[in-house]
Every structure is written in structure tokens, then in C-alpha cells.
Amino acid sequence: DILNNMGVIYQRKGLIDKAIDVYSQAIDMGSKWSSPYVNLGTVYLGKGDPLTALKWFKMAIKIDPYDAVALANAGFAYSDMEDYTNAIEMHKTALLIKPSYRTAHYGLGIAYEGIKDYRMAIYHWQEYIRMAPKEDGWRRDAERHIRRLSKGIGYEKRRR
């Protein structure tokens, strides 16, 4: 756990290679927690390698099938690979485990938009905004998605 925490610090400071090293050390030492697996997957997702990220998220889910973060992050990896069906499944499972996990709504917005189900995408973007604090960094992005998608399907016209 100390190694995992060190990895988080390195990751936050932008020292990605050091973060990978200490997460890997935690895993090699037989960590019984899903955290270093999730964190390592998150690093690879950030590096634009969703396939490697997904490998680590799946290992985390195997260790803790109720890890909503691992499930949602697997959903983001699937979306990055344009496998929106599996992305939706992962995000929905994360919400079943933790209904207040707004990040899964954000992921569902991406995935539903990916399959062109714009009404469901808008719904999940709205849920994300409803749950997110005003200063949340992704909130503006979700609002932009809603505006763009609403214009495309005439949603705003029907609401007036």
C-alpha cells in the first residue's frame, strides 16, 4: 500500500515512469488490493494505450469485482477502443455497485454518443452535471456535449 501511495504521488507530479515502477513493484510484491492495478491501468489509459490499460483494469476487477472505479475505467478503455457495447456494460455495472458514482454517468454519455443513441447520451450527461460540483473540470465538457447533441436531435425545440 505504501508503494501504491507513492505511485499516486508520482502520478500527480507527472512522473509517470516512476509511478509505473512503483505500481509494478506493489503488484510484483503480491498486493491483495485492486488499487495498484487500477492506478497502473489509469496511467496506460492516459498514455493512450487502452488495450494495456484494460488488461490492468480486468486484473483489478478479478481481485475486487465490486471496485466501481476499476469497472468505470474499463468502460473508458472500451470506449477508447470504440467497443461501446462493453463500455456501456462496464459503466452500468459500476452504477449498480455505486449509484452515486458520477464518473460512470460521464462514461455512459461517451458510450451512448458512440453508438449514436443521443437521447441516452444526453440523459447521462445531465445526470453527471446534476451530481457534479460546480467547480468540477468535466462539467463544462458535459454541458458542451449536451448543447451539441441537443441541437442535432431537436431536443431543445421540444422542451420549449
C-alpha atoms as a PDB file:
ATOM      1  CA  ASP A   1       0.000   0.000   0.000  1.00  0.00           C
ATOM      2  CA  ILE A   2       2.906   2.344   0.641  1.00  0.00           C
ATOM      3  CA  LEU A   3       4.151   1.695  -2.885  1.00  0.00           C
ATOM      4  CA  ASN A   4       0.697   2.365  -4.299  1.00  0.00           C
ATOM      5  CA  ASN A   5       0.528   5.662  -2.413  1.00  0.00           C
ATOM      6  CA  MET A   6       3.979   6.598  -3.680  1.00  0.00           C
ATOM      7  CA  GLY A   7       2.792   5.841  -7.206  1.00  0.00           C
ATOM      8  CA  VAL A   8      -0.181   8.161  -6.755  1.00  0.00           C
ATOM      9  CA  ILE A   9       2.170  10.953  -5.655  1.00  0.00           C
ATOM     10  CA  TYR A  10       4.476  10.369  -8.634  1.00  0.00           C
ATOM     11  CA  GLN A  11       1.499  10.250 -10.979  1.00  0.00           C
ATOM     12  CA  ARG A  12       0.109  13.537  -9.639  1.00  0.00           C
ATOM     13  CA  LYS A  13       3.510  15.169 -10.094  1.00  0.00           C
ATOM     14  CA  GLY A  14       3.664  13.958 -13.698  1.00  0.00           C
ATOM     15  CA  LEU A  15       6.468  11.470 -13.019  1.00  0.00           C
ATOM     16  CA  ILE A  16       4.732   8.739 -14.978  1.00  0.00           C
ATOM     17  CA  ASP A  17       7.680   6.355 -15.390  1.00  0.00           C
ATOM     18  CA  LYS A  18       8.317   6.405 -11.632  1.00  0.00           C
ATOM     19  CA  ALA A  19       4.620   5.834 -11.000  1.00  0.00           C
ATOM     20  CA  ILE A  20       4.652   2.806 -13.313  1.00  0.00           C
ATOM     21  CA  ASP A  21       7.711   1.438 -11.492  1.00  0.00           C
ATOM     22  CA  VAL A  22       6.218   1.647  -8.019  1.00  0.00           C
ATOM     23  CA  TYR A  23       2.762   0.382  -9.072  1.00  0.00           C
ATOM     24  CA  SER A  24       4.531  -2.552 -10.738  1.00  0.00           C
ATOM     25  CA  GLN A  25       6.559  -3.169  -7.574  1.00  0.00           C
ATOM     26  CA  ALA A  26       3.370  -3.226  -5.497  1.00  0.00           C
ATOM     27  CA  ILE A  27       1.854  -5.763  -7.882  1.00  0.00           C
ATOM     28  CA  ASP A  28       5.046  -7.861  -8.001  1.00  0.00           C
ATOM     29  CA  MET A  29       5.054  -7.962  -4.200  1.00  0.00           C
ATOM     30  CA  GLY A  30       1.629  -9.599  -4.326  1.00  0.00           C
ATOM     31  CA  SER A  31      -0.679  -6.730  -3.420  1.00  0.00           C
ATOM     32  CA  LYS A  32      -4.056  -8.069  -2.366  1.00  0.00           C
ATOM     33  CA  TRP A  33      -5.690  -4.732  -3.194  1.00  0.00           C
ATOM     34  CA  SER A  34      -7.053  -3.679  -6.553  1.00  0.00           C
ATOM     35  CA  SER A  35      -5.698  -0.113  -6.252  1.00  0.00           C
ATOM     36  CA  PRO A  36      -2.246  -0.562  -7.828  1.00  0.00           C
ATOM     37  CA  TYR A  37      -3.830  -2.421 -10.752  1.00  0.00           C
ATOM     38  CA  VAL A  38      -6.420   0.333 -11.258  1.00  0.00           C
ATOM     39  CA  ASN A  39      -3.777   3.032 -10.964  1.00  0.00           C
ATOM     40  CA  LEU A  40      -1.440   1.307 -13.397  1.00  0.00           C
ATOM     41  CA  GLY A  41      -4.319   0.937 -15.838  1.00  0.00           C
ATOM     42  CA  THR A  42      -5.133   4.613 -15.425  1.00  0.00           C
ATOM     43  CA  VAL A  43      -1.550   5.535 -16.309  1.00  0.00           C
ATOM     44  CA  TYR A  44      -1.722   3.493 -19.505  1.00  0.00           C
ATOM     45  CA  LEU A  45      -5.124   4.940 -20.359  1.00  0.00           C
ATOM     46  CA  GLY A  46      -3.602   8.399 -20.005  1.00  0.00           C
ATOM     47  CA  LYS A  47      -0.716   7.355 -22.240  1.00  0.00           C
ATOM     48  CA  GLY A  48      -3.188   6.415 -24.978  1.00  0.00           C
ATOM     49  CA  ASP A  49      -2.795   2.647 -24.591  1.00  0.00           C
ATOM     50  CA  PRO A  50      -6.329   1.441 -23.799  1.00  0.00           C
ATOM     51  CA  LEU A  51      -5.530  -2.216 -24.503  1.00  0.00           C
ATOM     52  CA  THR A  52      -2.800  -2.356 -21.835  1.00  0.00           C
ATOM     53  CA  ALA A  53      -4.985  -0.265 -19.531  1.00  0.00           C
ATOM     54  CA  LEU A  54      -7.856  -2.717 -19.957  1.00  0.00           C
ATOM     55  CA  LYS A  55      -5.566  -5.618 -19.023  1.00  0.00           C
ATOM     56  CA  TRP A  56      -4.823  -3.951 -15.666  1.00  0.00           C
ATOM     57  CA  PHE A  57      -8.451  -2.966 -15.064  1.00  0.00           C
ATOM     58  CA  LYS A  58      -9.564  -6.553 -15.680  1.00  0.00           C
ATOM     59  CA  MET A  59      -7.000  -7.777 -13.151  1.00  0.00           C
ATOM     60  CA  ALA A  60      -8.320  -5.245 -10.641  1.00  0.00           C
ATOM     61  CA  ILE A  61     -11.888  -6.436 -11.264  1.00  0.00           C
ATOM     62  CA  LYS A  62     -10.770 -10.032 -10.741  1.00  0.00           C
ATOM     63  CA  ILE A  63      -9.322  -9.060  -7.345  1.00  0.00           C
ATOM     64  CA  ASP A  64     -12.353  -6.936  -6.407  1.00  0.00           C
ATOM     65  CA  PRO A  65     -15.442  -7.383  -8.593  1.00  0.00           C
ATOM     66  CA  TYR A  66     -17.108  -4.535  -6.650  1.00  0.00           C
ATOM     67  CA  ASP A  67     -14.485  -1.917  -7.477  1.00  0.00           C
ATOM     68  CA  ALA A  68     -16.641   0.684  -9.231  1.00  0.00           C
ATOM     69  CA  VAL A  69     -13.579   2.700 -10.264  1.00  0.00           C
ATOM     70  CA  ALA A  70     -11.991  -0.307 -11.986  1.00  0.00           C
ATOM     71  CA  LEU A  71     -15.267  -1.067 -13.768  1.00  0.00           C
ATOM     72  CA  ALA A  72     -15.797   2.513 -14.939  1.00  0.00           C
ATOM     73  CA  ASN A  73     -12.173   2.838 -16.053  1.00  0.00           C
ATOM     74  CA  ALA A  74     -12.545  -0.402 -18.016  1.00  0.00           C
ATOM     75  CA  GLY A  75     -15.559   1.272 -19.619  1.00  0.00           C
ATOM     76  CA  PHE A  76     -13.418   4.240 -20.641  1.00  0.00           C
ATOM     77  CA  ALA A  77     -10.814   1.873 -22.107  1.00  0.00           C
ATOM     78  CA  TYR A  78     -13.511   0.085 -24.118  1.00  0.00           C
ATOM     79  CA  SER A  79     -14.817   3.453 -25.363  1.00  0.00           C
ATOM     80  CA  ASP A  80     -11.319   4.439 -26.433  1.00  0.00           C
ATOM     81  CA  MET A  81     -11.251   1.227 -28.479  1.00  0.00           C
ATOM     82  CA  GLU A  82     -14.728   2.043 -29.862  1.00  0.00           C
ATOM     83  CA  ASP A  83     -16.217  -1.043 -28.184  1.00  0.00           C
ATOM     84  CA  TYR A  84     -19.212   0.858 -26.884  1.00  0.00           C
ATOM     85  CA  THR A  85     -21.305  -2.190 -26.006  1.00  0.00           C
ATOM     86  CA  ASN A  86     -18.757  -3.367 -23.455  1.00  0.00           C
ATOM     87  CA  ALA A  87     -18.215   0.228 -22.311  1.00  0.00           C
ATOM     88  CA  ILE A  88     -21.926   0.562 -21.527  1.00  0.00           C
ATOM     89  CA  GLU A  89     -21.912  -2.736 -19.651  1.00  0.00           C
ATOM     90  CA  MET A  90     -18.923  -1.696 -17.509  1.00  0.00           C
ATOM     91  CA  HIS A  91     -20.353   1.727 -16.646  1.00  0.00           C
ATOM     92  CA  LYS A  92     -23.798   0.320 -15.848  1.00  0.00           C
ATOM     93  CA  THR A  93     -22.222  -2.286 -13.564  1.00  0.00           C
ATOM     94  CA  ALA A  94     -20.244   0.448 -11.807  1.00  0.00           C
ATOM     95  CA  LEU A  95     -23.515   2.340 -11.211  1.00  0.00           C
ATOM     96  CA  LEU A  96     -25.214  -0.769  -9.849  1.00  0.00           C
ATOM     97  CA  ILE A  97     -22.427  -1.064  -7.298  1.00  0.00           C
ATOM     98  CA  LYS A  98     -22.152   2.649  -6.553  1.00  0.00           C
ATOM     99  CA  PRO A  99     -25.207   4.623  -7.762  1.00  0.00           C
ATOM    100  CA  SER A 100     -23.612   7.930  -6.720  1.00  0.00           C
ATOM    101  CA  TYR A 101     -20.554   7.405  -8.943  1.00  0.00           C
ATOM    102  CA  ARG A 102     -21.000  10.298 -11.359  1.00  0.00           C
ATOM    103  CA  THR A 103     -17.951   9.326 -13.429  1.00  0.00           C
ATOM    104  CA  ALA A 104     -19.864   6.282 -14.685  1.00  0.00           C
ATOM    105  CA  HIS A 105     -22.590   8.626 -15.989  1.00  0.00           C
ATOM    106  CA  TYR A 106     -19.905  10.596 -17.799  1.00  0.00           C
ATOM    107  CA  GLY A 107     -18.640   7.354 -19.358  1.00  0.00           C
ATOM    108  CA  LEU A 108     -22.162   6.352 -20.359  1.00  0.00           C
ATOM    109  CA  GLY A 109     -22.550   9.719 -22.072  1.00  0.00           C
ATOM    110  CA  ILE A 110     -19.461   8.964 -24.148  1.00  0.00           C
ATOM    111  CA  ALA A 111     -20.512   5.387 -24.908  1.00  0.00           C
ATOM    112  CA  TYR A 112     -24.107   6.194 -25.854  1.00  0.00           C
ATOM    113  CA  GLU A 113     -22.878   9.021 -28.039  1.00  0.00           C
ATOM    114  CA  GLY A 114     -20.531   6.481 -29.642  1.00  0.00           C
ATOM    115  CA  ILE A 115     -23.467   4.264 -30.662  1.00  0.00           C
ATOM    116  CA  LYS A 116     -25.434   7.364 -31.709  1.00  0.00           C
ATOM    117  CA  ASP A 117     -28.113   6.964 -29.019  1.00  0.00           C
ATOM    118  CA  TYR A 118     -28.132  10.693 -28.390  1.00  0.00           C
ATOM    119  CA  ARG A 119     -31.132  10.757 -26.067  1.00  0.00           C
ATOM    120  CA  MET A 120     -29.458   8.321 -23.680  1.00  0.00           C
ATOM    121  CA  ALA A 121     -26.167  10.205 -24.030  1.00  0.00           C
ATOM    122  CA  ILE A 122     -27.894  13.469 -23.088  1.00  0.00           C
ATOM    123  CA  TYR A 123     -29.605  11.784 -20.145  1.00  0.00           C
ATOM    124  CA  HIS A 124     -26.281  10.551 -18.732  1.00  0.00           C
ATOM    125  CA  TRP A 125     -24.510  13.859 -19.386  1.00  0.00           C
ATOM    126  CA  GLN A 126     -27.354  15.542 -17.474  1.00  0.00           C
ATOM    127  CA  GLU A 127     -27.039  13.058 -14.625  1.00  0.00           C
ATOM    128  CA  TYR A 128     -23.338  13.738 -14.468  1.00  0.00           C
ATOM    129  CA  ILE A 129     -23.953  17.503 -14.272  1.00  0.00           C
ATOM    130  CA  ARG A 130     -26.665  17.023 -11.644  1.00  0.00           C
ATOM    131  CA  MET A 131     -24.210  15.125  -9.434  1.00  0.00           C
ATOM    132  CA  ALA A 132     -21.034  17.106 -10.122  1.00  0.00           C
ATOM    133  CA  PRO A 133     -19.958  20.076  -8.035  1.00  0.00           C
ATOM    134  CA  LYS A 134     -19.922  23.444  -9.831  1.00  0.00           C
ATOM    135  CA  GLU A 135     -16.100  23.529  -9.971  1.00  0.00           C
ATOM    136  CA  ASP A 136     -15.788  20.043 -11.491  1.00  0.00           C
ATOM    137  CA  GLY A 137     -13.478  20.098 -14.509  1.00  0.00           C
ATOM    138  CA  TRP A 138     -15.533  17.721 -16.632  1.00  0.00           C
ATOM    139  CA  ARG A 139     -18.788  19.569 -16.006  1.00  0.00           C
ATOM    140  CA  ARG A 140     -18.213  22.120 -18.799  1.00  0.00           C
ATOM    141  CA  ASP A 141     -17.323  19.329 -21.188  1.00  0.00           C
ATOM    142  CA  ALA A 142     -20.582  17.535 -20.351  1.00  0.00           C
ATOM    143  CA  GLU A 143     -22.503  20.787 -20.901  1.00  0.00           C
ATOM    144  CA  ARG A 144     -20.869  21.193 -24.331  1.00  0.00           C
ATOM    145  CA  HIS A 145     -21.863  17.635 -25.270  1.00  0.00           C
ATOM    146  CA  ILE A 146     -25.463  18.320 -24.268  1.00  0.00           C
ATOM    147  CA  ARG A 147     -25.641  21.564 -26.251  1.00  0.00           C
ATOM    148  CA  ARG A 148     -24.120  19.964 -29.339  1.00  0.00           C
ATOM    149  CA  LEU A 149     -26.265  16.833 -29.215  1.00  0.00           C
ATOM    150  CA  SER A 150     -29.461  18.711 -28.338  1.00  0.00           C
ATOM    151  CA  LYS A 151     -29.174  20.827 -31.469  1.00  0.00           C
ATOM    152  CA  GLY A 152     -28.683  17.745 -33.602  1.00  0.00           C
ATOM    153  CA  ILE A 153     -31.844  15.961 -32.495  1.00  0.00           C
ATOM    154  CA  GLY A 154     -34.125  18.951 -31.994  1.00  0.00           C
ATOM    155  CA  TYR A 155     -34.265  18.242 -28.272  1.00  0.00           C
ATOM    156  CA  GLU A 156     -34.255  21.892 -27.203  1.00  0.00           C
ATOM    157  CA  LYS A 157     -37.102  22.790 -29.570  1.00  0.00           C
ATOM    158  CA  ARG A 158     -39.363  20.162 -27.977  1.00  0.00           C
ATOM    159  CA  ARG A 159     -38.508  21.357 -24.459  1.00  0.00           C
ATOM    160  CA  ARG A 160     -39.671  24.948 -25.088  1.00  0.00           C
END
